[in-house]
PDB file of N, CA and C in Angstrom:
ATOM      1  N   UNK A   1     -83.984  51.124-141.690  1.00  0.00           N
ATOM      2  CA  UNK A   1     -82.681  50.507-141.672  1.00  0.00           C
ATOM      3  C   UNK A   1     -81.654  51.571-141.288  1.00  0.00           C
ATOM      4  N   UNK A   2     -80.825  51.246-140.321  1.00  0.00           N
ATOM      5  CA  UNK A   2     -79.799  52.162-139.866  1.00  0.00           C
ATOM      6  C   UNK A   2     -78.520  51.946-140.662  1.00  0.00           C
ATOM      7  N   UNK A   3     -77.888  53.051-140.994  1.00  0.00           N
ATOM      8  CA  UNK A   3     -76.640  53.005-141.744  1.00  0.00           C
ATOM      9  C   UNK A   3     -75.541  53.612-140.892  1.00  0.00           C
ATOM     10  N   UNK A   4     -74.414  52.959-140.882  1.00  0.00           N
ATOM     11  CA  UNK A   4     -73.253  53.467-140.168  1.00  0.00           C
ATOM     12  C   UNK A   4     -72.219  53.907-141.198  1.00  0.00           C
ATOM     13  N   UNK A   5     -71.593  55.049-140.960  1.00  0.00           N
ATOM     14  CA  UNK A   5     -70.563  55.536-141.869  1.00  0.00           C
ATOM     15  C   UNK A   5     -69.221  55.540-141.158  1.00  0.00           C
ATOM     16  N   UNK A   6     -68.239  54.946-141.802  1.00  0.00           N
ATOM     17  CA  UNK A   6     -66.891  54.884-141.245  1.00  0.00           C
ATOM     18  C   UNK A   6     -65.958  55.635-142.178  1.00  0.00           C
ATOM     19  N   UNK A   7     -65.314  56.664-141.648  1.00  0.00           N
ATOM     20  CA  UNK A   7     -64.332  57.432-142.423  1.00  0.00           C
ATOM     21  C   UNK A   7     -62.969  56.795-142.197  1.00  0.00           C
ATOM     22  N   UNK A   8     -62.378  56.305-143.263  1.00  0.00           N
ATOM     23  CA  UNK A   8     -61.135  55.541-143.184  1.00  0.00           C
ATOM     24  C   UNK A   8     -60.000  56.366-142.592  1.00  0.00           C
ATOM     25  N   UNK A   9     -59.907  57.650-142.961  1.00  0.00           N
ATOM     26  CA  UNK A   9     -58.795  58.467-142.472  1.00  0.00           C
ATOM     27  C   UNK A   9     -58.906  58.803-140.993  1.00  0.00           C
ATOM     28  N   UNK A  10     -60.060  58.556-140.379  1.00  0.00           N
ATOM     29  CA  UNK A  10     -60.177  58.715-138.929  1.00  0.00           C
ATOM     30  C   UNK A  10     -59.534  57.544-138.192  1.00  0.00           C
ATOM     31  N   UNK A  11     -59.373  56.425-138.894  1.00  0.00           N
ATOM     32  CA  UNK A  11     -58.852  55.197-138.282  1.00  0.00           C
ATOM     33  C   UNK A  11     -57.429  54.904-138.739  1.00  0.00           C
ATOM     34  N   UNK A  12     -57.180  55.104-140.028  1.00  0.00           N
ATOM     35  CA  UNK A  12     -55.905  54.735-140.652  1.00  0.00           C
ATOM     36  C   UNK A  12     -55.290  55.951-141.332  1.00  0.00           C
ATOM     37  N   UNK A  13     -53.989  55.876-141.669  1.00  0.00           N
ATOM     38  CA  UNK A  13     -53.371  56.999-142.385  1.00  0.00           C
ATOM     39  C   UNK A  13     -53.930  57.138-143.805  1.00  0.00           C
ATOM     40  N   UNK A  14     -53.572  58.223-144.459  1.00  0.00           N
ATOM     41  CA  UNK A  14     -54.077  58.500-145.810  1.00  0.00           C
ATOM     42  C   UNK A  14     -53.492  57.555-146.848  1.00  0.00           C
ATOM     43  N   UNK A  15     -52.422  56.856-146.511  1.00  0.00           N
ATOM     44  CA  UNK A  15     -51.844  55.853-147.406  1.00  0.00           C
ATOM     45  C   UNK A  15     -52.086  54.479-146.806  1.00  0.00           C
ATOM     46  N   UNK A  16     -52.865  53.682-147.483  1.00  0.00           N
ATOM     47  CA  UNK A  16     -53.221  52.345-147.018  1.00  0.00           C
ATOM     48  C   UNK A  16     -52.247  51.365-147.657  1.00  0.00           C
ATOM     49  N   UNK A  17     -51.279  50.892-146.870  1.00  0.00           N
ATOM     50  CA  UNK A  17     -50.219  50.119-147.498  1.00  0.00           C
ATOM     51  C   UNK A  17     -49.788  48.862-146.755  1.00  0.00           C
ATOM     52  N   UNK A  18     -50.456  48.471-145.679  1.00  0.00           N
ATOM     53  CA  UNK A  18     -50.056  47.242-144.988  1.00  0.00           C
ATOM     54  C   UNK A  18     -51.238  46.293-144.828  1.00  0.00           C
ATOM     55  N   UNK A  19     -50.923  45.033-144.778  1.00  0.00           N
ATOM     56  CA  UNK A  19     -51.948  44.008-144.556  1.00  0.00           C
ATOM     57  C   UNK A  19     -52.563  44.129-143.161  1.00  0.00           C
ATOM     58  N   UNK A  20     -51.745  44.527-142.204  1.00  0.00           N
ATOM     59  CA  UNK A  20     -52.243  44.701-140.833  1.00  0.00           C
ATOM     60  C   UNK A  20     -53.311  45.792-140.777  1.00  0.00           C
ATOM     61  N   UNK A  21     -53.114  46.858-141.538  1.00  0.00           N
ATOM     62  CA  UNK A  21     -54.115  47.934-141.587  1.00  0.00           C
ATOM     63  C   UNK A  21     -55.423  47.443-142.189  1.00  0.00           C
ATOM     64  N   UNK A  22     -55.325  46.618-143.214  1.00  0.00           N
ATOM     65  CA  UNK A  22     -56.526  46.066-143.846  1.00  0.00           C
ATOM     66  C   UNK A  22     -57.299  45.193-142.860  1.00  0.00           C
ATOM     67  N   UNK A  23     -56.573  44.358-142.136  1.00  0.00           N
ATOM     68  CA  UNK A  23     -57.218  43.490-141.143  1.00  0.00           C
ATOM     69  C   UNK A  23     -57.879  44.324-140.056  1.00  0.00           C
ATOM     70  N   UNK A  24     -57.207  45.380-139.646  1.00  0.00           N
ATOM     71  CA  UNK A  24     -57.773  46.268-138.615  1.00  0.00           C
ATOM     72  C   UNK A  24     -59.075  46.899-139.105  1.00  0.00           C
ATOM     73  N   UNK A  25     -59.077  47.388-140.348  1.00  0.00           N
ATOM     74  CA  UNK A  25     -60.280  48.002-140.906  1.00  0.00           C
ATOM     75  C   UNK A  25     -61.420  46.994-141.007  1.00  0.00           C
ATOM     76  N   UNK A  26     -61.137  45.790-141.465  1.00  0.00           N
ATOM     77  CA  UNK A  26     -62.180  44.766-141.587  1.00  0.00           C
ATOM     78  C   UNK A  26     -62.728  44.390-140.215  1.00  0.00           C
ATOM     79  N   UNK A  27     -61.868  44.298-139.220  1.00  0.00           N
ATOM     80  CA  UNK A  27     -62.342  43.985-137.867  1.00  0.00           C
ATOM     81  C   UNK A  27     -63.281  45.069-137.354  1.00  0.00           C
ATOM     82  N   UNK A  28     -62.971  46.320-137.649  1.00  0.00           N
ATOM     83  CA  UNK A  28     -63.852  47.427-137.264  1.00  0.00           C
ATOM     84  C   UNK A  28     -65.180  47.326-138.009  1.00  0.00           C
ATOM     85  N   UNK A  29     -65.132  46.993-139.295  1.00  0.00           N
ATOM     86  CA  UNK A  29     -66.362  46.839-140.082  1.00  0.00           C
ATOM     87  C   UNK A  29     -67.232  45.712-139.540  1.00  0.00           C
ATOM     88  N   UNK A  30     -66.606  44.596-139.209  1.00  0.00           N
ATOM     89  CA  UNK A  30     -67.370  43.454-138.691  1.00  0.00           C
ATOM     90  C   UNK A  30     -67.994  43.778-137.335  1.00  0.00           C
ATOM     91  N   UNK A  31     -67.272  44.520-136.523  1.00  0.00           N
ATOM     92  CA  UNK A  31     -67.809  44.923-135.226  1.00  0.00           C
ATOM     93  C   UNK A  31     -68.988  45.879-135.409  1.00  0.00           C
ATOM     94  N   UNK A  32     -68.850  46.802-136.333  1.00  0.00           N
ATOM     95  CA  UNK A  32     -69.911  47.768-136.618  1.00  0.00           C
ATOM     96  C   UNK A  32     -71.132  47.082-137.236  1.00  0.00           C
ATOM     97  N   UNK A  33     -70.892  46.038-138.005  1.00  0.00           N
ATOM     98  CA  UNK A  33     -71.965  45.306-138.680  1.00  0.00           C
ATOM     99  C   UNK A  33     -72.902  44.616-137.677  1.00  0.00           C
ATOM    100  N   UNK A  34     -72.411  44.353-136.503  1.00  0.00           N
ATOM    101  CA  UNK A  34     -73.249  43.732-135.469  1.00  0.00           C
ATOM    102  C   UNK A  34     -74.391  44.657-135.060  1.00  0.00           C
ATOM    103  N   UNK A  35     -74.152  45.974-135.123  1.00  0.00           N
ATOM    104  CA  UNK A  35     -75.156  46.953-134.713  1.00  0.00           C
ATOM    105  C   UNK A  35     -75.912  47.576-135.875  1.00  0.00           C
ATOM    106  N   UNK A  36     -75.268  47.636-137.034  1.00  0.00           N
ATOM    107  CA  UNK A  36     -75.871  48.284-138.203  1.00  0.00           C
ATOM    108  C   UNK A  36     -75.722  47.367-139.413  1.00  0.00           C
ATOM    109  N   UNK A  37     -76.819  46.992-140.055  1.00  0.00           N
ATOM    110  CA  UNK A  37     -76.724  46.063-141.194  1.00  0.00           C
ATOM    111  C   UNK A  37     -76.086  46.678-142.438  1.00  0.00           C
ATOM    112  N   UNK A  38     -76.136  47.999-142.578  1.00  0.00           N
ATOM    113  CA  UNK A  38     -75.574  48.665-143.757  1.00  0.00           C
ATOM    114  C   UNK A  38     -74.451  49.598-143.304  1.00  0.00           C
ATOM    115  N   UNK A  39     -73.310  49.492-144.007  1.00  0.00           N
ATOM    116  CA  UNK A  39     -72.149  50.297-143.648  1.00  0.00           C
ATOM    117  C   UNK A  39     -71.661  51.050-144.879  1.00  0.00           C
ATOM    118  N   UNK A  40     -71.357  52.320-144.698  1.00  0.00           N
ATOM    119  CA  UNK A  40     -70.771  53.147-145.740  1.00  0.00           C
ATOM    120  C   UNK A  40     -69.320  53.394-145.352  1.00  0.00           C
ATOM    121  N   UNK A  41     -68.397  53.042-146.256  1.00  0.00           N
ATOM    122  CA  UNK A  41     -66.976  53.289-146.017  1.00  0.00           C
ATOM    123  C   UNK A  41     -66.592  54.526-146.808  1.00  0.00           C
ATOM    124  N   UNK A  42     -66.197  55.580-146.096  1.00  0.00           N
ATOM    125  CA  UNK A  42     -65.823  56.847-146.726  1.00  0.00           C
ATOM    126  C   UNK A  42     -64.308  56.885-146.902  1.00  0.00           C
ATOM    127  N   UNK A  43     -63.857  56.846-148.160  1.00  0.00           N
ATOM    128  CA  UNK A  43     -62.434  56.892-148.479  1.00  0.00           C
ATOM    129  C   UNK A  43     -61.969  58.318-148.767  1.00  0.00           C
ATOM    130  N   UNK A  44     -62.753  59.321-148.418  1.00  0.00           N
ATOM    131  CA  UNK A  44     -62.357  60.712-148.626  1.00  0.00           C
ATOM    132  C   UNK A  44     -61.061  61.005-147.887  1.00  0.00           C
ATOM    133  N   UNK A  45     -60.105  61.602-148.579  1.00  0.00           N
ATOM    134  CA  UNK A  45     -58.815  61.922-147.968  1.00  0.00           C
ATOM    135  C   UNK A  45     -57.779  60.814-148.090  1.00  0.00           C
ATOM    136  N   UNK A  46     -58.202  59.643-148.540  1.00  0.00           N
ATOM    137  CA  UNK A  46     -57.266  58.540-148.753  1.00  0.00           C
ATOM    138  C   UNK A  46     -56.596  58.755-150.104  1.00  0.00           C
ATOM    139  N   UNK A  47     -55.261  58.768-150.105  1.00  0.00           N
ATOM    140  CA  UNK A  47     -54.556  59.102-151.347  1.00  0.00           C
ATOM    141  C   UNK A  47     -53.924  57.891-152.030  1.00  0.00           C
ATOM    142  N   UNK A  48     -53.797  56.776-151.322  1.00  0.00           N
ATOM    143  CA  UNK A  48     -53.144  55.619-151.922  1.00  0.00           C
ATOM    144  C   UNK A  48     -53.612  54.338-151.253  1.00  0.00           C
ATOM    145  N   UNK A  49     -53.776  53.286-152.062  1.00  0.00           N
ATOM    146  CA  UNK A  49     -54.063  51.952-151.540  1.00  0.00           C
ATOM    147  C   UNK A  49     -53.151  50.969-152.263  1.00  0.00           C
ATOM    148  N   UNK A  50     -52.356  50.238-151.489  1.00  0.00           N
ATOM    149  CA  UNK A  50     -51.451  49.266-152.103  1.00  0.00           C
ATOM    150  C   UNK A  50     -52.202  47.995-152.474  1.00  0.00           C
ATOM    151  N   UNK A  51     -51.606  47.236-153.351  1.00  0.00           N
ATOM    152  CA  UNK A  51     -52.192  45.962-153.763  1.00  0.00           C
ATOM    153  C   UNK A  51     -52.276  45.003-152.572  1.00  0.00           C
ATOM    154  N   UNK A  52     -51.258  45.012-151.707  1.00  0.00           N
ATOM    155  CA  UNK A  52     -51.277  44.113-150.556  1.00  0.00           C
ATOM    156  C   UNK A  52     -52.400  44.478-149.591  1.00  0.00           C
ATOM    157  N   UNK A  53     -52.649  45.784-149.393  1.00  0.00           N
ATOM    158  CA  UNK A  53     -53.765  46.203-148.551  1.00  0.00           C
ATOM    159  C   UNK A  53     -55.078  45.727-149.157  1.00  0.00           C
ATOM    160  N   UNK A  54     -55.256  45.972-150.450  1.00  0.00           N
ATOM    161  CA  UNK A  54     -56.505  45.596-151.126  1.00  0.00           C
ATOM    162  C   UNK A  54     -56.719  44.086-151.092  1.00  0.00           C
ATOM    163  N   UNK A  55     -55.648  43.318-151.288  1.00  0.00           N
ATOM    164  CA  UNK A  55     -55.751  41.867-151.263  1.00  0.00           C
ATOM    165  C   UNK A  55     -56.172  41.366-149.882  1.00  0.00           C
ATOM    166  N   UNK A  56     -55.529  41.878-148.850  1.00  0.00           N
ATOM    167  CA  UNK A  56     -55.873  41.449-147.481  1.00  0.00           C
ATOM    168  C   UNK A  56     -57.272  41.910-147.104  1.00  0.00           C
ATOM    169  N   UNK A  57     -57.644  43.111-147.522  1.00  0.00           N
ATOM    170  CA  UNK A  57     -58.983  43.642-147.260  1.00  0.00           C
ATOM    171  C   UNK A  57     -60.029  42.717-147.872  1.00  0.00           C
ATOM    172  N   UNK A  58     -59.815  42.314-149.108  1.00  0.00           N
ATOM    173  CA  UNK A  58     -60.750  41.424-149.792  1.00  0.00           C
ATOM    174  C   UNK A  58     -60.788  40.060-149.112  1.00  0.00           C
ATOM    175  N   UNK A  59     -59.626  39.523-148.780  1.00  0.00           N
ATOM    176  CA  UNK A  59     -59.551  38.212-148.111  1.00  0.00           C
ATOM    177  C   UNK A  59     -60.317  38.208-146.803  1.00  0.00           C
ATOM    178  N   UNK A  60     -60.047  39.212-145.972  1.00  0.00           N
ATOM    179  CA  UNK A  60     -60.680  39.282-144.653  1.00  0.00           C
ATOM    180  C   UNK A  60     -62.165  39.590-144.749  1.00  0.00           C
ATOM    181  N   UNK A  61     -62.540  40.402-145.716  1.00  0.00           N
ATOM    182  CA  UNK A  61     -63.943  40.805-145.855  1.00  0.00           C
ATOM    183  C   UNK A  61     -64.824  39.643-146.303  1.00  0.00           C
ATOM    184  N   UNK A  62     -64.295  38.786-147.170  1.00  0.00           N
ATOM    185  CA  UNK A  62     -65.103  37.723-147.739  1.00  0.00           C
ATOM    186  C   UNK A  62     -64.811  36.350-147.149  1.00  0.00           C
ATOM    187  N   UNK A  63     -64.337  36.322-145.923  1.00  0.00           N
ATOM    188  CA  UNK A  63     -64.171  35.042-145.249  1.00  0.00           C
ATOM    189  C   UNK A  63     -65.581  34.574-144.834  1.00  0.00           C
ATOM    190  N   UNK A  64     -65.787  33.302-144.665  1.00  0.00           N
ATOM    191  CA  UNK A  64     -67.130  32.735-144.432  1.00  0.00           C
ATOM    192  C   UNK A  64     -67.757  33.235-143.138  1.00  0.00           C
ATOM    193  N   UNK A  65     -68.400  34.348-143.200  1.00  0.00           N
ATOM    194  CA  UNK A  65     -69.103  34.889-142.048  1.00  0.00           C
ATOM    195  C   UNK A  65     -70.398  35.529-142.504  1.00  0.00           C
ATOM    196  N   UNK A  66     -70.992  36.309-141.625  1.00  0.00           N
ATOM    197  CA  UNK A  66     -72.266  36.943-141.932  1.00  0.00           C
ATOM    198  C   UNK A  66     -72.141  37.918-143.094  1.00  0.00           C
ATOM    199  N   UNK A  67     -73.186  38.044-143.907  1.00  0.00           N
ATOM    200  CA  UNK A  67     -73.143  38.982-145.034  1.00  0.00           C
ATOM    201  C   UNK A  67     -73.062  40.432-144.545  1.00  0.00           C
ATOM    202  N   UNK A  68     -72.339  41.242-145.284  1.00  0.00           N
ATOM    203  CA  UNK A  68     -72.234  42.660-144.947  1.00  0.00           C
ATOM    204  C   UNK A  68     -72.642  43.471-146.170  1.00  0.00           C
ATOM    205  N   UNK A  69     -73.500  44.443-145.953  1.00  0.00           N
ATOM    206  CA  UNK A  69     -73.953  45.343-147.010  1.00  0.00           C
ATOM    207  C   UNK A  69     -73.093  46.599-146.920  1.00  0.00           C
ATOM    208  N   UNK A  70     -72.153  46.740-147.856  1.00  0.00           N
ATOM    209  CA  UNK A  70     -71.177  47.823-147.799  1.00  0.00           C
ATOM    210  C   UNK A  70     -71.278  48.696-149.039  1.00  0.00           C
ATOM    211  N   UNK A  71     -71.287  50.012-148.817  1.00  0.00           N
ATOM    212  CA  UNK A  71     -71.204  50.989-149.894  1.00  0.00           C
ATOM    213  C   UNK A  71     -69.874  51.715-149.764  1.00  0.00           C
ATOM    214  N   UNK A  72     -69.274  52.048-150.900  1.00  0.00           N
ATOM    215  CA  UNK A  72     -68.015  52.781-150.923  1.00  0.00           C
ATOM    216  C   UNK A  72     -68.315  54.218-151.326  1.00  0.00           C
ATOM    217  N   UNK A  73     -67.767  55.144-150.560  1.00  0.00           N
ATOM    218  CA  UNK A  73     -68.049  56.564-150.772  1.00  0.00           C
ATOM    219  C   UNK A  73     -66.735  57.337-150.901  1.00  0.00           C
ATOM    220  N   UNK A  74     -66.700  58.315-151.799  1.00  0.00           N
ATOM    221  CA  UNK A  74     -65.572  59.232-151.978  1.00  0.00           C
ATOM    222  C   UNK A  74     -64.244  58.539-152.273  1.00  0.00           C
ATOM    223  N   UNK A  75     -64.297  57.427-152.945  1.00  0.00           N
ATOM    224  CA  UNK A  75     -63.066  56.730-153.322  1.00  0.00           C
ATOM    225  C   UNK A  75     -62.580  57.266-154.663  1.00  0.00           C
ATOM    226  N   UNK A  76     -61.273  57.452-154.770  1.00  0.00           N
ATOM    227  CA  UNK A  76     -60.716  57.905-156.040  1.00  0.00           C
ATOM    228  C   UNK A  76     -60.777  56.763-157.051  1.00  0.00           C
ATOM    229  N   UNK A  77     -60.583  57.116-158.305  1.00  0.00           N
ATOM    230  CA  UNK A  77     -60.595  56.106-159.350  1.00  0.00           C
ATOM    231  C   UNK A  77     -59.513  55.060-159.109  1.00  0.00           C
ATOM    232  N   UNK A  78     -58.350  55.480-158.612  1.00  0.00           N
ATOM    233  CA  UNK A  78     -57.251  54.543-158.337  1.00  0.00           C
ATOM    234  C   UNK A  78     -57.639  53.503-157.291  1.00  0.00           C
ATOM    235  N   UNK A  79     -58.316  53.936-156.256  1.00  0.00           N
ATOM    236  CA  UNK A  79     -58.732  53.010-155.191  1.00  0.00           C
ATOM    237  C   UNK A  79     -59.785  52.043-155.713  1.00  0.00           C
ATOM    238  N   UNK A  80     -60.752  52.553-156.456  1.00  0.00           N
ATOM    239  CA  UNK A  80     -61.787  51.689-157.026  1.00  0.00           C
ATOM    240  C   UNK A  80     -61.160  50.679-157.981  1.00  0.00           C
ATOM    241  N   UNK A  81     -60.219  51.132-158.786  1.00  0.00           N
ATOM    242  CA  UNK A  81     -59.541  50.237-159.730  1.00  0.00           C
ATOM    243  C   UNK A  81     -58.764  49.145-158.994  1.00  0.00           C
ATOM    244  N   UNK A  82     -58.090  49.504-157.922  1.00  0.00           N
ATOM    245  CA  UNK A  82     -57.317  48.522-157.158  1.00  0.00           C
ATOM    246  C   UNK A  82     -58.243  47.489-156.522  1.00  0.00           C
ATOM    247  N   UNK A  83     -59.336  47.928-155.930  1.00  0.00           N
ATOM    248  CA  UNK A  83     -60.286  46.980-155.325  1.00  0.00           C
ATOM    249  C   UNK A  83     -60.900  46.073-156.389  1.00  0.00           C
ATOM    250  N   UNK A  84     -61.208  46.631-157.542  1.00  0.00           N
ATOM    251  CA  UNK A  84     -61.785  45.838-158.629  1.00  0.00           C
ATOM    252  C   UNK A  84     -60.763  44.827-159.161  1.00  0.00           C
ATOM    253  N   UNK A  85     -59.510  45.250-159.327  1.00  0.00           N
ATOM    254  CA  UNK A  85     -58.466  44.356-159.829  1.00  0.00           C
ATOM    255  C   UNK A  85     -58.246  43.183-158.885  1.00  0.00           C
ATOM    256  N   UNK A  86     -58.187  43.455-157.609  1.00  0.00           N
ATOM    257  CA  UNK A  86     -58.003  42.381-156.630  1.00  0.00           C
ATOM    258  C   UNK A  86     -59.220  41.466-156.612  1.00  0.00           C
ATOM    259  N   UNK A  87     -60.399  42.043-156.677  1.00  0.00           N
ATOM    260  CA  UNK A  87     -61.627  41.243-156.686  1.00  0.00           C
ATOM    261  C   UNK A  87     -61.663  40.296-157.883  1.00  0.00           C
ATOM    262  N   UNK A  88     -61.182  40.756-159.027  1.00  0.00           N
ATOM    263  CA  UNK A  88     -61.192  39.931-160.232  1.00  0.00           C
ATOM    264  C   UNK A  88     -60.199  38.778-160.175  1.00  0.00           C
ATOM    265  N   UNK A  89     -59.179  38.889-159.348  1.00  0.00           N
ATOM    266  CA  UNK A  89     -58.182  37.815-159.247  1.00  0.00           C
ATOM    267  C   UNK A  89     -58.525  36.792-158.180  1.00  0.00           C
ATOM    268  N   UNK A  90     -59.533  37.055-157.387  1.00  0.00           N
ATOM    269  CA  UNK A  90     -59.905  36.156-156.295  1.00  0.00           C
ATOM    270  C   UNK A  90     -60.990  35.188-156.768  1.00  0.00           C
ATOM    271  N   UNK A  91     -60.596  34.188-157.530  1.00  0.00           N
ATOM    272  CA  UNK A  91     -61.579  33.282-158.121  1.00  0.00           C
ATOM    273  C   UNK A  91     -62.064  32.219-157.151  1.00  0.00           C
ATOM    274  N   UNK A  92     -61.291  31.885-156.144  1.00  0.00           N
ATOM    275  CA  UNK A  92     -61.693  30.835-155.218  1.00  0.00           C
ATOM    276  C   UNK A  92     -62.654  31.332-154.157  1.00  0.00           C
ATOM    277  N   UNK A  93     -62.707  32.627-153.955  1.00  0.00           N
ATOM    278  CA  UNK A  93     -63.593  33.179-152.936  1.00  0.00           C
ATOM    279  C   UNK A  93     -64.894  33.613-153.587  1.00  0.00           C
ATOM    280  N   UNK A  94     -65.958  33.517-152.851  1.00  0.00           N
ATOM    281  CA  UNK A  94     -67.245  33.938-153.389  1.00  0.00           C
ATOM    282  C   UNK A  94     -67.720  35.191-152.663  1.00  0.00           C
ATOM    283  N   UNK A  95     -68.447  35.979-153.354  1.00  0.00           N
ATOM    284  CA  UNK A  95     -68.989  37.195-152.757  1.00  0.00           C
ATOM    285  C   UNK A  95     -70.067  36.815-151.759  1.00  0.00           C
ATOM    286  N   UNK A  96     -70.103  37.504-150.645  1.00  0.00           N
ATOM    287  CA  UNK A  96     -71.087  37.204-149.607  1.00  0.00           C
ATOM    288  C   UNK A  96     -72.441  37.806-149.959  1.00  0.00           C
ATOM    289  N   UNK A  97     -72.441  39.039-150.402  1.00  0.00           N
ATOM    290  CA  UNK A  97     -73.686  39.710-150.736  1.00  0.00           C
ATOM    291  C   UNK A  97     -73.830  39.730-152.254  1.00  0.00           C
ATOM    292  N   UNK A  98     -74.760  38.949-152.796  1.00  0.00           N
ATOM    293  CA  UNK A  98     -74.902  38.894-154.251  1.00  0.00           C
ATOM    294  C   UNK A  98     -75.721  40.069-154.789  1.00  0.00           C
ATOM    295  N   UNK A  99     -75.242  41.270-154.575  1.00  0.00           N
ATOM    296  CA  UNK A  99     -75.942  42.451-155.071  1.00  0.00           C
ATOM    297  C   UNK A  99     -74.934  43.405-155.679  1.00  0.00           C
ATOM    298  N   UNK A 100     -75.431  44.395-156.352  1.00  0.00           N
ATOM    299  CA  UNK A 100     -74.557  45.393-156.950  1.00  0.00           C
ATOM    300  C   UNK A 100     -74.001  46.299-155.867  1.00  0.00           C
ATOM    301  N   UNK A 101     -72.763  46.678-156.017  1.00  0.00           N
ATOM    302  CA  UNK A 101     -72.156  47.620-155.090  1.00  0.00           C
ATOM    303  C   UNK A 101     -72.511  49.032-155.528  1.00  0.00           C
ATOM    304  N   UNK A 102     -72.653  49.902-154.580  1.00  0.00           N
ATOM    305  CA  UNK A 102     -73.024  51.272-154.843  1.00  0.00           C
ATOM    306  C   UNK A 102     -71.832  52.172-154.578  1.00  0.00           C
ATOM    307  N   UNK A 103     -71.581  53.069-155.505  1.00  0.00           N
ATOM    308  CA  UNK A 103     -70.545  54.083-155.315  1.00  0.00           C
ATOM    309  C   UNK A 103     -71.244  55.404-155.091  1.00  0.00           C
ATOM    310  N   UNK A 104     -70.797  56.138-154.085  1.00  0.00           N
ATOM    311  CA  UNK A 104     -71.393  57.423-153.760  1.00  0.00           C
ATOM    312  C   UNK A 104     -70.335  58.502-153.950  1.00  0.00           C
ATOM    313  N   UNK A 105     -70.682  59.549-154.668  1.00  0.00           N
ATOM    314  CA  UNK A 105     -69.756  60.648-154.919  1.00  0.00           C
ATOM    315  C   UNK A 105     -70.364  61.932-154.387  1.00  0.00           C
ATOM    316  N   UNK A 106     -69.660  62.591-153.502  1.00  0.00           N
ATOM    317  CA  UNK A 106     -70.103  63.889-152.993  1.00  0.00           C
ATOM    318  C   UNK A 106     -69.472  65.032-153.761  1.00  0.00           C
ATOM    319  N   UNK A 107     -68.541  64.692-154.634  1.00  0.00           N
ATOM    320  CA  UNK A 107     -67.807  65.694-155.376  1.00  0.00           C
ATOM    321  C   UNK A 107     -67.980  65.388-156.857  1.00  0.00           C
ATOM    322  N   UNK A 108     -68.422  66.356-157.623  1.00  0.00           N
ATOM    323  CA  UNK A 108     -68.694  66.147-159.038  1.00  0.00           C
ATOM    324  C   UNK A 108     -67.437  65.759-159.805  1.00  0.00           C
ATOM    325  N   UNK A 109     -66.284  66.280-159.417  1.00  0.00           N
ATOM    326  CA  UNK A 109     -65.057  65.949-160.142  1.00  0.00           C
ATOM    327  C   UNK A 109     -64.684  64.478-159.957  1.00  0.00           C
ATOM    328  N   UNK A 110     -64.962  63.899-158.793  1.00  0.00           N
ATOM    329  CA  UNK A 110     -64.698  62.468-158.587  1.00  0.00           C
ATOM    330  C   UNK A 110     -65.631  61.612-159.448  1.00  0.00           C
ATOM    331  N   UNK A 111     -66.870  62.049-159.574  1.00  0.00           N
ATOM    332  CA  UNK A 111     -67.811  61.346-160.444  1.00  0.00           C
ATOM    333  C   UNK A 111     -67.354  61.442-161.895  1.00  0.00           C
ATOM    334  N   UNK A 112     -66.881  62.603-162.313  1.00  0.00           N
ATOM    335  CA  UNK A 112     -66.379  62.756-163.677  1.00  0.00           C
ATOM    336  C   UNK A 112     -65.166  61.862-163.920  1.00  0.00           C
ATOM    337  N   UNK A 113     -64.243  61.827-162.951  1.00  0.00           N
ATOM    338  CA  UNK A 113     -63.054  60.956-163.090  1.00  0.00           C
ATOM    339  C   UNK A 113     -63.482  59.512-163.295  1.00  0.00           C
ATOM    340  N   UNK A 114     -64.435  59.078-162.506  1.00  0.00           N
ATOM    341  CA  UNK A 114     -64.893  57.695-162.614  1.00  0.00           C
ATOM    342  C   UNK A 114     -65.635  57.461-163.927  1.00  0.00           C
ATOM    343  N   UNK A 115     -66.491  58.392-164.312  1.00  0.00           N
ATOM    344  CA  UNK A 115     -67.283  58.246-165.532  1.00  0.00           C
ATOM    345  C   UNK A 115     -66.417  58.213-166.787  1.00  0.00           C
ATOM    346  N   UNK A 116     -65.421  59.081-166.831  1.00  0.00           N
ATOM    347  CA  UNK A 116     -64.584  59.174-168.017  1.00  0.00           C
ATOM    348  C   UNK A 116     -63.507  58.112-168.067  1.00  0.00           C
ATOM    349  N   UNK A 117     -63.408  57.288-167.032  1.00  0.00           N
ATOM    350  CA  UNK A 117     -62.385  56.236-167.020  1.00  0.00           C
ATOM    351  C   UNK A 117     -62.799  55.026-167.845  1.00  0.00           C
ATOM    352  N   UNK A 118     -64.030  54.962-168.270  1.00  0.00           N
ATOM    353  CA  UNK A 118     -64.504  53.796-169.035  1.00  0.00           C
ATOM    354  C   UNK A 118     -63.961  53.826-170.383  1.00  0.00           C
TER     355      UNK A 118
END
């Protein structure tokens, strides 16, 4: 199985704050998904994600289309929390891939931040 890795800061600024940016990222993911069934999104270097970005990202990602197997890598606790909060409020939408999401940490301090946040 081939995996494609997309570094968010190569495409978008370090602050993710517009709905248009979210739509752009999802369109890139969907295009990449045509060639690679598994995609890793690297949020390394991303310092902020707004609620509107996260909401649009979730909306566009889970529209009725082909399933996408996505892993999140190097996301700060704030970004993970924002994505989780938006996901919890989207009761009318269903998840496309009924599997557990995987978080990948290349930095021990990011893993500690996430672990100690419970």
